[in-house]
């Protein structure tokens, strides 16, 4: 049997889970966030009013979509030290946000967080507390780690290249038209970005280690 074409009405009984999963699929396709209630209903093969039996408004759908994204992020394991746990969690968060680019600016914006969101935040805080951070220190660490992951992901998603080959073309084009008054930029392009084997996404791991080193050094000083 051939697969159902994209945009065709979804079959089967309507449920909250089905509505949210379909909304996520549509958001992933468009990259622009929550779809219209009419568009979502059309994809599901129902009337728009049917959605209101499960969700009073679009905000509740958005809450649920964000909660599903948080549910994809790896939680700290009980036997992991805090650095290992935060490293894995940061990588998992970046992967989830890359899969769902519409979620980058929404992850911590909801005023009615769902269970997966609350579980995630509680686990991260608990891991940091077990790792020797005060509650204030855990708050500082959580904030700076999320700022880095969200910011890096936004930058990565907006880059005009998707592979090393594409990057070489973009960097080479910039270098070709670069005025001589910018020697440091030229040096970075030729001596770093265009060197064989350079992969931009490896910058994420380097930056993350710098942050973890800084948190390690400050951990016992936050009261």
N, C-alpha and C. Protein backbone atom coordinates (compact mmCIF):
# COMPACT_ATOMS: atom_id res chain seq x y z
N UNK A 1 0.86 -1.19 0.00
CA UNK A 1 0.00 0.00 0.00
C UNK A 1 0.89 1.24 0.00
N UNK A 2 0.59 2.20 -0.85
CA UNK A 2 1.41 3.41 -0.93
C UNK A 2 1.12 4.31 0.26
N UNK A 3 2.12 5.06 0.74
CA UNK A 3 1.93 5.92 1.91
C UNK A 3 0.98 7.06 1.60
N UNK A 4 0.30 7.51 2.63
CA UNK A 4 -0.63 8.62 2.49
C UNK A 4 0.14 9.89 2.18
N UNK A 5 -0.24 10.65 1.15
CA UNK A 5 0.52 11.84 0.77
C UNK A 5 0.47 12.91 1.83
N UNK A 6 1.53 13.71 1.90
CA UNK A 6 1.59 14.82 2.85
C UNK A 6 0.42 15.76 2.61
N UNK A 7 -0.23 16.17 3.69
CA UNK A 7 -1.34 17.10 3.56
C UNK A 7 -2.68 16.39 3.47
N UNK A 8 -2.69 15.05 3.30
CA UNK A 8 -3.94 14.32 3.23
C UNK A 8 -4.54 14.20 4.62
N UNK A 9 -5.88 14.12 4.72
CA UNK A 9 -6.52 14.00 6.03
C UNK A 9 -6.02 12.78 6.78
N UNK A 10 -5.78 12.95 8.06
CA UNK A 10 -5.31 11.86 8.90
C UNK A 10 -6.49 10.98 9.29
N UNK A 11 -6.27 9.67 9.31
CA UNK A 11 -7.33 8.73 9.65
C UNK A 11 -7.21 8.31 11.11
N UNK A 12 -8.33 7.79 11.64
CA UNK A 12 -8.33 7.30 13.00
C UNK A 12 -8.95 8.31 13.95
N UNK A 13 -9.28 7.86 15.18
CA UNK A 13 -9.92 8.74 16.15
C UNK A 13 -9.00 9.88 16.57
N UNK A 14 -9.61 11.03 16.84
CA UNK A 14 -8.86 12.21 17.26
C UNK A 14 -8.51 12.10 18.74
N UNK A 15 -7.30 12.50 19.09
CA UNK A 15 -6.85 12.50 20.47
C UNK A 15 -5.91 13.67 20.67
N UNK A 16 -5.65 14.02 21.91
CA UNK A 16 -4.72 15.11 22.19
C UNK A 16 -3.33 14.81 21.62
N UNK A 17 -2.88 13.57 21.82
CA UNK A 17 -1.57 13.17 21.31
C UNK A 17 -1.51 13.30 19.79
N UNK A 18 -2.55 12.87 19.11
CA UNK A 18 -2.57 12.92 17.66
C UNK A 18 -2.57 14.36 17.16
N UNK A 19 -3.33 15.21 17.83
CA UNK A 19 -3.37 16.62 17.45
C UNK A 19 -1.98 17.25 17.61
N UNK A 20 -1.34 17.00 18.74
CA UNK A 20 -0.03 17.60 19.00
C UNK A 20 1.03 17.07 18.04
N UNK A 21 1.03 15.77 17.79
CA UNK A 21 2.03 15.19 16.88
C UNK A 21 1.84 15.75 15.46
N UNK A 22 0.61 15.90 15.05
CA UNK A 22 0.34 16.45 13.73
C UNK A 22 0.74 17.92 13.66
N UNK A 23 0.48 18.66 14.73
CA UNK A 23 0.87 20.08 14.77
C UNK A 23 2.39 20.20 14.70
N UNK A 24 3.11 19.30 15.38
CA UNK A 24 4.57 19.31 15.33
C UNK A 24 5.07 19.00 13.92
N UNK A 25 4.47 18.04 13.27
CA UNK A 25 4.86 17.70 11.91
C UNK A 25 4.70 18.91 10.99
N UNK A 26 3.58 19.60 11.13
CA UNK A 26 3.32 20.76 10.28
C UNK A 26 4.30 21.88 10.59
N UNK A 27 4.60 22.08 11.87
CA UNK A 27 5.56 23.11 12.27
C UNK A 27 6.95 22.79 11.76
N UNK A 28 7.33 21.51 11.82
CA UNK A 28 8.64 21.10 11.30
C UNK A 28 8.74 21.36 9.81
N UNK A 29 7.65 21.11 9.09
CA UNK A 29 7.64 21.31 7.65
C UNK A 29 7.77 22.78 7.27
N UNK A 30 7.08 23.63 8.03
CA UNK A 30 7.08 25.06 7.69
C UNK A 30 8.18 25.83 8.41
N UNK A 31 8.59 25.31 9.59
CA UNK A 31 9.59 25.99 10.40
C UNK A 31 9.08 27.22 11.10
N UNK A 32 7.77 27.47 11.04
CA UNK A 32 7.23 28.73 11.56
C UNK A 32 6.40 28.59 12.82
N UNK A 33 6.41 27.43 13.44
CA UNK A 33 5.68 27.30 14.70
C UNK A 33 4.29 26.72 14.53
N UNK A 34 3.43 27.02 15.48
CA UNK A 34 2.12 26.40 15.54
C UNK A 34 1.30 26.75 14.29
N UNK A 35 0.71 25.74 13.65
CA UNK A 35 -0.12 26.00 12.47
C UNK A 35 -1.46 26.60 12.88
N UNK A 36 -2.19 27.10 11.91
CA UNK A 36 -3.53 27.62 12.19
C UNK A 36 -4.45 26.47 12.57
N UNK A 37 -5.46 26.77 13.35
CA UNK A 37 -6.41 25.74 13.74
C UNK A 37 -7.10 25.17 12.50
N UNK A 38 -7.39 26.02 11.52
CA UNK A 38 -8.05 25.55 10.30
C UNK A 38 -7.13 24.61 9.53
N UNK A 39 -5.85 25.01 9.39
CA UNK A 39 -4.90 24.17 8.68
C UNK A 39 -4.66 22.84 9.38
N UNK A 40 -4.57 22.89 10.71
CA UNK A 40 -4.37 21.68 11.49
C UNK A 40 -5.57 20.75 11.35
N UNK A 41 -6.77 21.32 11.42
CA UNK A 41 -7.98 20.51 11.27
C UNK A 41 -8.05 19.86 9.89
N UNK A 42 -7.64 20.60 8.86
CA UNK A 42 -7.65 20.06 7.51
C UNK A 42 -6.70 18.88 7.41
N UNK A 43 -5.49 19.01 7.98
CA UNK A 43 -4.52 17.90 7.95
C UNK A 43 -5.09 16.67 8.67
N UNK A 44 -5.83 16.92 9.76
CA UNK A 44 -6.39 15.82 10.54
C UNK A 44 -7.67 15.26 9.93
N UNK A 45 -8.24 15.97 8.95
CA UNK A 45 -9.46 15.51 8.32
C UNK A 45 -10.69 15.71 9.16
N UNK A 46 -10.69 16.79 9.98
CA UNK A 46 -11.84 17.09 10.84
C UNK A 46 -12.21 18.56 10.69
N UNK A 47 -13.33 18.93 11.26
CA UNK A 47 -13.71 20.33 11.32
C UNK A 47 -12.91 21.02 12.42
N UNK A 48 -12.65 22.32 12.23
CA UNK A 48 -11.84 23.06 13.20
C UNK A 48 -12.44 23.00 14.60
N UNK A 49 -13.77 23.02 14.71
CA UNK A 49 -14.41 23.00 16.02
C UNK A 49 -14.10 21.72 16.78
N UNK A 50 -13.78 20.65 16.06
CA UNK A 50 -13.46 19.39 16.74
C UNK A 50 -12.21 19.52 17.60
N UNK A 51 -11.29 20.40 17.19
CA UNK A 51 -10.05 20.58 17.96
C UNK A 51 -10.33 21.18 19.32
N UNK A 52 -11.37 22.00 19.42
CA UNK A 52 -11.67 22.68 20.67
C UNK A 52 -12.23 21.75 21.73
N UNK A 53 -12.58 20.52 21.34
CA UNK A 53 -12.96 19.53 22.34
C UNK A 53 -11.74 19.05 23.13
N UNK A 54 -10.56 19.22 22.54
CA UNK A 54 -9.32 18.78 23.18
C UNK A 54 -8.46 19.96 23.66
N UNK A 55 -8.54 21.08 22.98
CA UNK A 55 -7.74 22.26 23.32
C UNK A 55 -8.62 23.50 23.21
N UNK A 56 -8.70 24.25 24.30
CA UNK A 56 -9.56 25.44 24.31
C UNK A 56 -9.06 26.52 23.36
N UNK A 57 -7.73 26.57 23.15
CA UNK A 57 -7.15 27.60 22.30
C UNK A 57 -5.81 27.15 21.76
N UNK A 58 -5.24 27.96 20.87
CA UNK A 58 -3.97 27.61 20.23
C UNK A 58 -2.82 27.60 21.23
N UNK A 59 -2.90 28.43 22.29
CA UNK A 59 -1.83 28.46 23.28
C UNK A 59 -1.64 27.09 23.93
N UNK A 60 -2.73 26.40 24.17
CA UNK A 60 -2.64 25.08 24.79
C UNK A 60 -1.98 24.08 23.84
N UNK A 61 -2.21 24.24 22.55
CA UNK A 61 -1.53 23.38 21.57
C UNK A 61 -0.04 23.69 21.58
N UNK A 62 0.30 24.96 21.64
CA UNK A 62 1.70 25.35 21.68
C UNK A 62 2.38 24.82 22.94
N UNK A 63 1.69 24.92 24.08
CA UNK A 63 2.22 24.35 25.32
C UNK A 63 2.54 22.87 25.14
N UNK A 64 1.61 22.16 24.52
CA UNK A 64 1.79 20.73 24.33
C UNK A 64 2.91 20.39 23.37
N UNK A 65 3.06 21.18 22.31
CA UNK A 65 4.14 20.97 21.35
C UNK A 65 5.50 21.16 22.01
N UNK A 66 5.63 22.23 22.78
CA UNK A 66 6.88 22.48 23.49
C UNK A 66 7.17 21.35 24.47
N UNK A 67 6.14 20.86 25.13
CA UNK A 67 6.33 19.78 26.09
C UNK A 67 6.83 18.51 25.40
N UNK A 68 6.35 18.26 24.19
CA UNK A 68 6.82 17.09 23.45
C UNK A 68 8.30 17.24 23.09
N UNK A 69 8.73 18.46 22.76
CA UNK A 69 10.14 18.67 22.45
C UNK A 69 11.00 18.43 23.69
N UNK A 70 10.57 18.96 24.83
CA UNK A 70 11.30 18.70 26.07
C UNK A 70 11.38 17.20 26.36
N UNK A 71 10.32 16.49 25.98
CA UNK A 71 10.31 15.04 26.21
C UNK A 71 11.33 14.30 25.38
N UNK A 72 11.86 14.94 24.32
CA UNK A 72 12.87 14.31 23.48
C UNK A 72 14.29 14.52 24.02
N UNK A 73 14.45 15.39 25.00
CA UNK A 73 15.78 15.74 25.49
C UNK A 73 16.21 14.76 26.58
N UNK A 74 17.44 14.29 26.47
CA UNK A 74 17.97 13.31 27.41
C UNK A 74 18.07 13.90 28.82
N UNK A 75 17.54 13.17 29.79
CA UNK A 75 17.60 13.61 31.18
C UNK A 75 18.90 13.11 31.83
N UNK A 76 19.38 13.82 32.83
CA UNK A 76 20.59 13.35 33.55
C UNK A 76 20.37 11.97 34.14
N UNK A 77 21.34 11.09 33.96
CA UNK A 77 21.27 9.75 34.56
C UNK A 77 21.78 9.83 35.99
N UNK A 78 21.25 8.96 36.84
CA UNK A 78 21.59 9.01 38.26
C UNK A 78 23.08 8.76 38.51
N UNK A 79 23.72 7.96 37.67
CA UNK A 79 25.12 7.63 37.90
C UNK A 79 26.09 8.54 37.14
N UNK A 80 25.58 9.56 36.47
CA UNK A 80 26.45 10.51 35.75
C UNK A 80 26.91 11.62 36.68
N UNK A 81 28.20 12.01 36.57
CA UNK A 81 28.61 13.22 37.26
C UNK A 81 27.99 14.41 36.55
N UNK A 82 27.97 15.57 37.21
CA UNK A 82 27.22 16.69 36.67
C UNK A 82 27.76 17.15 35.33
N UNK A 83 29.07 17.11 35.13
CA UNK A 83 29.65 17.56 33.86
C UNK A 83 29.22 16.65 32.71
N UNK A 84 29.29 15.35 32.94
CA UNK A 84 28.88 14.40 31.91
C UNK A 84 27.40 14.57 31.59
N UNK A 85 26.60 14.72 32.64
CA UNK A 85 25.16 14.87 32.45
C UNK A 85 24.83 16.15 31.69
N UNK A 86 25.48 17.25 32.03
CA UNK A 86 25.21 18.52 31.35
C UNK A 86 25.71 18.49 29.92
N UNK A 87 26.79 17.78 29.68
CA UNK A 87 27.33 17.66 28.32
C UNK A 87 26.34 16.88 27.44
N UNK A 88 25.86 15.75 27.96
CA UNK A 88 24.91 14.94 27.19
C UNK A 88 23.59 15.68 27.01
N UNK A 89 23.16 16.34 28.04
CA UNK A 89 21.89 17.06 27.96
C UNK A 89 21.98 18.20 26.95
N UNK A 90 23.10 18.92 26.91
CA UNK A 90 23.28 20.02 25.97
C UNK A 90 23.26 19.52 24.54
N UNK A 91 23.95 18.41 24.28
CA UNK A 91 23.98 17.84 22.94
C UNK A 91 22.60 17.36 22.52
N UNK A 92 21.89 16.73 23.45
CA UNK A 92 20.55 16.24 23.17
C UNK A 92 19.58 17.40 22.91
N UNK A 93 19.72 18.47 23.69
CA UNK A 93 18.88 19.64 23.49
C UNK A 93 19.13 20.26 22.12
N UNK A 94 20.40 20.39 21.76
CA UNK A 94 20.71 20.96 20.44
C UNK A 94 20.12 20.10 19.33
N UNK A 95 20.22 18.79 19.46
CA UNK A 95 19.66 17.89 18.45
C UNK A 95 18.14 18.07 18.33
N UNK A 96 17.47 18.16 19.48
CA UNK A 96 16.01 18.33 19.46
C UNK A 96 15.61 19.66 18.82
N UNK A 97 16.34 20.72 19.15
CA UNK A 97 16.03 22.02 18.58
C UNK A 97 16.36 22.09 17.10
N UNK A 98 17.34 21.33 16.67
CA UNK A 98 17.65 21.27 15.25
C UNK A 98 16.55 20.54 14.49
N UNK A 99 16.01 19.50 15.11
CA UNK A 99 14.89 18.77 14.49
C UNK A 99 13.64 19.63 14.43
N UNK A 100 13.47 20.49 15.42
CA UNK A 100 12.27 21.32 15.52
C UNK A 100 12.68 22.79 15.64
N UNK A 101 13.13 23.40 14.56
CA UNK A 101 13.69 24.76 14.65
C UNK A 101 12.72 25.82 15.14
N UNK A 102 11.43 25.59 15.00
CA UNK A 102 10.43 26.53 15.48
C UNK A 102 10.43 26.63 17.01
N UNK A 103 10.99 25.63 17.68
CA UNK A 103 10.91 25.56 19.14
C UNK A 103 12.00 26.35 19.85
N UNK A 104 13.03 26.79 19.12
CA UNK A 104 14.18 27.42 19.76
C UNK A 104 13.78 28.59 20.64
N UNK A 105 12.91 29.45 20.11
CA UNK A 105 12.54 30.66 20.86
C UNK A 105 11.37 30.44 21.80
N UNK A 106 10.88 29.20 21.90
CA UNK A 106 9.67 28.94 22.68
C UNK A 106 9.90 28.07 23.90
N UNK A 107 11.06 27.44 24.01
CA UNK A 107 11.24 26.41 25.01
C UNK A 107 10.97 26.87 26.44
N UNK A 108 11.36 28.09 26.75
CA UNK A 108 11.16 28.57 28.12
C UNK A 108 10.17 29.74 28.18
N UNK A 109 9.32 29.85 27.16
CA UNK A 109 8.40 30.98 27.11
C UNK A 109 7.00 30.65 27.62
N UNK A 110 6.73 29.39 27.88
CA UNK A 110 5.37 28.99 28.22
C UNK A 110 5.06 29.24 29.69
N UNK A 111 3.86 29.72 29.96
CA UNK A 111 3.44 30.00 31.34
C UNK A 111 2.67 28.83 31.94
N UNK A 112 2.36 27.82 31.12
CA UNK A 112 1.69 26.62 31.62
C UNK A 112 2.47 25.39 31.16
N UNK A 113 3.68 25.21 31.73
CA UNK A 113 4.52 24.10 31.28
C UNK A 113 3.90 22.74 31.58
N UNK A 114 4.16 21.79 30.68
CA UNK A 114 3.62 20.45 30.84
C UNK A 114 4.52 19.56 31.69
N UNK A 115 4.11 18.30 31.81
CA UNK A 115 4.81 17.38 32.70
C UNK A 115 6.25 17.15 32.26
N UNK A 116 6.47 16.93 30.97
CA UNK A 116 7.83 16.66 30.49
C UNK A 116 8.74 17.86 30.72
N UNK A 117 8.20 19.04 30.56
CA UNK A 117 8.98 20.26 30.79
C UNK A 117 9.38 20.37 32.25
N UNK A 118 8.41 20.16 33.15
CA UNK A 118 8.68 20.24 34.58
C UNK A 118 9.65 19.15 35.01
N UNK A 119 9.48 17.94 34.49
CA UNK A 119 10.38 16.84 34.82
C UNK A 119 11.80 17.15 34.38
N UNK A 120 11.92 17.72 33.19
CA UNK A 120 13.23 18.06 32.65
C UNK A 120 13.93 19.08 33.54
N UNK A 121 13.25 20.16 33.85
CA UNK A 121 13.86 21.22 34.66
C UNK A 121 14.22 20.70 36.05
N UNK A 122 13.33 19.92 36.64
CA UNK A 122 13.60 19.39 37.97
C UNK A 122 14.83 18.48 37.96
N UNK A 123 14.96 17.66 36.92
CA UNK A 123 16.09 16.73 36.83
C UNK A 123 17.41 17.48 36.65
N UNK A 124 17.41 18.52 35.83
CA UNK A 124 18.63 19.29 35.62
C UNK A 124 19.05 19.98 36.91
N UNK A 125 18.10 20.61 37.58
CA UNK A 125 18.41 21.28 38.85
C UNK A 125 18.91 20.27 39.87
N UNK A 126 18.25 19.13 39.95
CA UNK A 126 18.66 18.10 40.90
C UNK A 126 20.06 17.60 40.63
N UNK A 127 20.41 17.43 39.36
CA UNK A 127 21.75 16.98 39.00
C UNK A 127 22.80 18.00 39.42
N UNK A 128 22.52 19.27 39.18
CA UNK A 128 23.47 20.31 39.56
C UNK A 128 23.62 20.41 41.08
N UNK A 129 22.50 20.27 41.77
CA UNK A 129 22.55 20.31 43.24
C UNK A 129 23.38 19.14 43.77
N UNK A 130 23.17 17.95 43.18
CA UNK A 130 23.95 16.78 43.60
C UNK A 130 25.42 16.94 43.27
N UNK A 131 25.71 17.76 42.26
CA UNK A 131 27.09 17.99 41.86
C UNK A 131 27.80 19.05 42.66
N UNK A 132 27.16 19.57 43.70
CA UNK A 132 27.81 20.52 44.59
C UNK A 132 27.45 21.98 44.37
N UNK A 133 26.48 22.25 43.48
CA UNK A 133 26.05 23.64 43.28
C UNK A 133 25.02 24.02 44.34
N UNK A 134 25.13 25.24 44.82
CA UNK A 134 24.06 25.78 45.66
C UNK A 134 22.84 25.99 44.77
N UNK A 135 21.70 26.30 45.37
CA UNK A 135 20.51 26.51 44.55
C UNK A 135 20.70 27.74 43.65
N UNK A 136 21.39 28.76 44.17
CA UNK A 136 21.68 29.93 43.33
C UNK A 136 22.66 29.55 42.22
N UNK A 137 23.67 28.76 42.56
CA UNK A 137 24.64 28.32 41.57
C UNK A 137 24.00 27.46 40.49
N UNK A 138 23.06 26.61 40.90
CA UNK A 138 22.35 25.78 39.93
C UNK A 138 21.55 26.65 38.96
N UNK A 139 20.95 27.70 39.50
CA UNK A 139 20.21 28.63 38.65
C UNK A 139 21.12 29.32 37.65
N UNK A 140 22.30 29.77 38.13
CA UNK A 140 23.26 30.42 37.24
C UNK A 140 23.72 29.46 36.15
N UNK A 141 24.04 28.23 36.54
CA UNK A 141 24.54 27.24 35.59
C UNK A 141 23.48 26.88 34.56
N UNK A 142 22.27 26.67 35.02
CA UNK A 142 21.15 26.33 34.13
C UNK A 142 20.96 27.44 33.09
N UNK A 143 21.00 28.68 33.56
CA UNK A 143 20.77 29.83 32.68
C UNK A 143 21.85 29.96 31.62
N UNK A 144 23.11 29.85 32.03
CA UNK A 144 24.19 30.05 31.06
C UNK A 144 24.26 28.89 30.08
N UNK A 145 23.99 27.67 30.53
CA UNK A 145 24.00 26.53 29.63
C UNK A 145 22.90 26.63 28.58
N UNK A 146 21.69 26.99 29.02
CA UNK A 146 20.59 27.13 28.06
C UNK A 146 20.84 28.28 27.09
N UNK A 147 21.38 29.39 27.61
CA UNK A 147 21.67 30.52 26.73
C UNK A 147 22.65 30.11 25.64
N UNK A 148 23.64 29.32 26.01
CA UNK A 148 24.62 28.87 25.02
C UNK A 148 23.99 27.92 24.01
N UNK A 149 23.25 26.93 24.49
CA UNK A 149 22.66 25.94 23.58
C UNK A 149 21.67 26.60 22.63
N UNK A 150 20.78 27.44 23.18
CA UNK A 150 19.78 28.09 22.33
C UNK A 150 20.45 29.04 21.33
N UNK A 151 21.40 29.82 21.82
CA UNK A 151 22.08 30.77 20.96
C UNK A 151 22.86 30.09 19.86
N UNK A 152 23.59 29.03 20.20
CA UNK A 152 24.37 28.31 19.20
C UNK A 152 23.44 27.69 18.16
N UNK A 153 22.33 27.12 18.62
CA UNK A 153 21.41 26.48 17.69
C UNK A 153 20.80 27.50 16.73
N UNK A 154 20.42 28.65 17.25
CA UNK A 154 19.88 29.70 16.39
C UNK A 154 20.90 30.10 15.33
N UNK A 155 22.15 30.24 15.75
CA UNK A 155 23.20 30.61 14.81
C UNK A 155 23.40 29.50 13.77
N UNK A 156 23.44 28.27 14.22
CA UNK A 156 23.64 27.15 13.32
C UNK A 156 22.52 27.06 12.29
N UNK A 157 21.28 27.26 12.74
CA UNK A 157 20.14 27.17 11.83
C UNK A 157 20.12 28.29 10.79
N UNK A 158 20.75 29.42 11.11
CA UNK A 158 20.72 30.56 10.21
C UNK A 158 21.92 30.63 9.27
N UNK A 159 22.87 29.73 9.45
CA UNK A 159 24.07 29.76 8.61
C UNK A 159 23.73 29.48 7.14
N UNK A 160 24.44 30.12 6.21
CA UNK A 160 24.15 29.94 4.79
C UNK A 160 24.81 28.71 4.18
N UNK A 161 25.15 27.74 5.01
CA UNK A 161 25.73 26.49 4.51
C UNK A 161 25.30 25.34 5.40
N UNK A 162 25.25 24.16 4.80
CA UNK A 162 24.82 23.00 5.56
C UNK A 162 25.87 21.92 5.69
N UNK A 163 26.96 22.04 4.92
CA UNK A 163 28.03 21.04 4.97
C UNK A 163 29.37 21.73 4.84
N UNK A 164 30.44 20.97 5.05
CA UNK A 164 31.78 21.54 4.93
C UNK A 164 32.04 22.07 3.53
N UNK A 165 31.53 21.34 2.53
CA UNK A 165 31.71 21.79 1.16
C UNK A 165 31.02 23.11 0.90
N UNK A 166 29.80 23.24 1.42
CA UNK A 166 29.06 24.50 1.26
C UNK A 166 29.79 25.62 1.97
N UNK A 167 30.31 25.33 3.17
CA UNK A 167 31.01 26.35 3.94
C UNK A 167 32.25 26.84 3.22
N UNK A 168 32.96 25.93 2.59
CA UNK A 168 34.16 26.31 1.85
C UNK A 168 33.82 27.29 0.72
N UNK A 169 32.68 27.04 0.07
CA UNK A 169 32.26 27.93 -0.99
C UNK A 169 31.92 29.31 -0.48
N UNK A 170 31.18 29.37 0.63
CA UNK A 170 30.79 30.65 1.22
C UNK A 170 32.02 31.40 1.73
N UNK A 171 32.88 30.70 2.49
CA UNK A 171 34.07 31.34 3.04
C UNK A 171 35.01 31.80 1.93
N UNK A 172 35.15 30.97 0.90
CA UNK A 172 36.01 31.36 -0.21
C UNK A 172 35.50 32.59 -0.93
N UNK A 173 34.17 32.69 -1.06
CA UNK A 173 33.58 33.86 -1.70
C UNK A 173 33.80 35.12 -0.88
N UNK A 174 33.67 35.00 0.44
CA UNK A 174 33.91 36.14 1.33
C UNK A 174 35.37 36.57 1.25
N UNK A 175 36.26 35.57 1.28
CA UNK A 175 37.69 35.87 1.24
C UNK A 175 38.09 36.55 -0.06
N UNK A 176 37.49 36.14 -1.14
CA UNK A 176 37.83 36.70 -2.45
C UNK A 176 37.55 38.19 -2.52
N UNK A 177 36.47 38.62 -1.87
CA UNK A 177 36.12 40.03 -1.93
C UNK A 177 36.48 40.81 -0.68
N UNK A 178 37.32 40.23 0.17
CA UNK A 178 37.63 40.85 1.46
C UNK A 178 38.68 41.95 1.29
N UNK A 179 38.39 43.17 1.75
CA UNK A 179 39.39 44.24 1.68
C UNK A 179 40.61 43.91 2.53
N UNK A 180 41.75 44.44 2.17
CA UNK A 180 42.99 44.16 2.87
C UNK A 180 43.01 44.72 4.29
N UNK A 181 42.10 45.61 4.59
CA UNK A 181 42.09 46.22 5.92
C UNK A 181 41.52 45.28 6.99
N UNK A 182 41.13 44.07 6.60
CA UNK A 182 40.59 43.11 7.56
C UNK A 182 41.49 41.86 7.62
N UNK A 183 42.74 42.01 8.02
CA UNK A 183 43.68 40.87 7.99
C UNK A 183 43.36 39.78 8.99
N UNK A 184 42.77 40.14 10.14
CA UNK A 184 42.47 39.12 11.15
C UNK A 184 41.34 38.20 10.68
N UNK A 185 40.37 38.77 10.01
CA UNK A 185 39.29 37.96 9.47
C UNK A 185 39.82 37.03 8.38
N UNK A 186 40.69 37.56 7.55
CA UNK A 186 41.29 36.74 6.51
C UNK A 186 42.09 35.59 7.11
N UNK A 187 42.80 35.87 8.18
CA UNK A 187 43.59 34.83 8.84
C UNK A 187 42.71 33.73 9.40
N UNK A 188 41.57 34.11 9.99
CA UNK A 188 40.68 33.09 10.55
C UNK A 188 40.10 32.22 9.45
N UNK A 189 39.75 32.83 8.32
CA UNK A 189 39.18 32.05 7.22
C UNK A 189 40.21 31.09 6.65
N UNK A 190 41.40 31.60 6.35
CA UNK A 190 42.42 30.76 5.70
C UNK A 190 43.12 29.82 6.67
N UNK A 191 43.34 30.27 7.90
CA UNK A 191 44.10 29.48 8.86
C UNK A 191 43.27 28.59 9.74
N UNK A 192 41.93 28.69 9.62
CA UNK A 192 41.08 27.89 10.50
C UNK A 192 39.89 27.30 9.74
N UNK A 193 39.00 28.17 9.26
CA UNK A 193 37.76 27.69 8.66
C UNK A 193 37.98 26.90 7.38
N UNK A 194 39.01 27.23 6.61
CA UNK A 194 39.25 26.54 5.35
C UNK A 194 40.30 25.43 5.46
N UNK A 195 40.75 25.14 6.66
CA UNK A 195 41.73 24.05 6.83
C UNK A 195 41.02 22.71 6.63
N UNK A 196 41.70 21.73 6.04
CA UNK A 196 41.10 20.40 5.82
C UNK A 196 40.61 19.80 7.14
N UNK A 197 39.42 19.25 7.09
CA UNK A 197 38.87 18.58 8.26
C UNK A 197 38.08 19.47 9.20
N UNK A 198 38.05 20.78 8.91
CA UNK A 198 37.30 21.68 9.81
C UNK A 198 35.81 21.42 9.68
N UNK A 199 35.15 21.28 10.82
CA UNK A 199 33.70 21.09 10.86
C UNK A 199 33.13 22.11 11.83
N UNK A 200 32.25 22.96 11.35
CA UNK A 200 31.75 24.05 12.19
C UNK A 200 31.08 23.54 13.46
N UNK A 201 30.33 22.46 13.36
CA UNK A 201 29.59 21.99 14.54
C UNK A 201 30.49 21.56 15.68
N UNK A 202 31.77 21.29 15.40
CA UNK A 202 32.69 20.95 16.49
C UNK A 202 32.94 22.14 17.41
N UNK A 203 32.66 23.34 16.93
CA UNK A 203 32.79 24.52 17.77
C UNK A 203 31.85 24.44 18.98
N UNK A 204 30.73 23.75 18.79
CA UNK A 204 29.77 23.61 19.89
C UNK A 204 30.42 22.90 21.09
N UNK A 205 31.08 21.79 20.82
CA UNK A 205 31.71 21.03 21.91
C UNK A 205 32.82 21.82 22.59
N UNK A 206 33.58 22.57 21.80
CA UNK A 206 34.67 23.37 22.37
C UNK A 206 34.11 24.45 23.28
N UNK A 207 33.10 25.15 22.81
CA UNK A 207 32.48 26.20 23.62
C UNK A 207 31.83 25.65 24.87
N UNK A 208 31.20 24.48 24.75
CA UNK A 208 30.55 23.87 25.90
C UNK A 208 31.58 23.50 26.97
N UNK A 209 32.72 22.98 26.56
CA UNK A 209 33.75 22.63 27.54
C UNK A 209 34.28 23.88 28.24
N UNK A 210 34.40 24.98 27.53
CA UNK A 210 34.83 26.23 28.16
C UNK A 210 33.83 26.66 29.24
N UNK A 211 32.56 26.52 28.94
CA UNK A 211 31.53 26.89 29.92
C UNK A 211 31.57 25.95 31.12
N UNK A 212 31.70 24.66 30.87
CA UNK A 212 31.76 23.70 31.98
C UNK A 212 32.98 23.93 32.85
N UNK A 213 34.09 24.29 32.23
CA UNK A 213 35.29 24.62 33.01
C UNK A 213 35.03 25.83 33.90
N UNK A 214 34.36 26.84 33.33
CA UNK A 214 34.05 28.03 34.11
C UNK A 214 33.11 27.74 35.26
N UNK A 215 32.11 26.90 35.03
CA UNK A 215 31.18 26.53 36.09
C UNK A 215 31.88 25.73 37.17
N UNK A 216 32.79 24.86 36.75
CA UNK A 216 33.57 24.08 37.73
C UNK A 216 34.35 25.00 38.66
N UNK A 217 34.96 26.03 38.07
CA UNK A 217 35.76 26.95 38.87
C UNK A 217 34.95 27.81 39.81
N UNK A 218 33.68 28.07 39.45
CA UNK A 218 32.84 28.94 40.28
C UNK A 218 31.90 28.17 41.21
N UNK A 219 31.81 26.87 41.03
CA UNK A 219 30.79 26.06 41.71
C UNK A 219 30.78 26.26 43.22
N UNK A 220 31.94 26.30 43.85
CA UNK A 220 32.00 26.37 45.31
C UNK A 220 31.95 27.81 45.83
N UNK A 221 31.87 28.78 44.94
CA UNK A 221 31.88 30.17 45.37
C UNK A 221 30.47 30.80 45.38
N UNK A 222 29.49 30.06 44.85
CA UNK A 222 28.13 30.60 44.81
C UNK A 222 27.38 30.15 46.06
N UNK A 223 26.96 31.09 46.85
CA UNK A 223 26.22 30.75 48.04
C UNK A 223 24.73 30.88 47.84
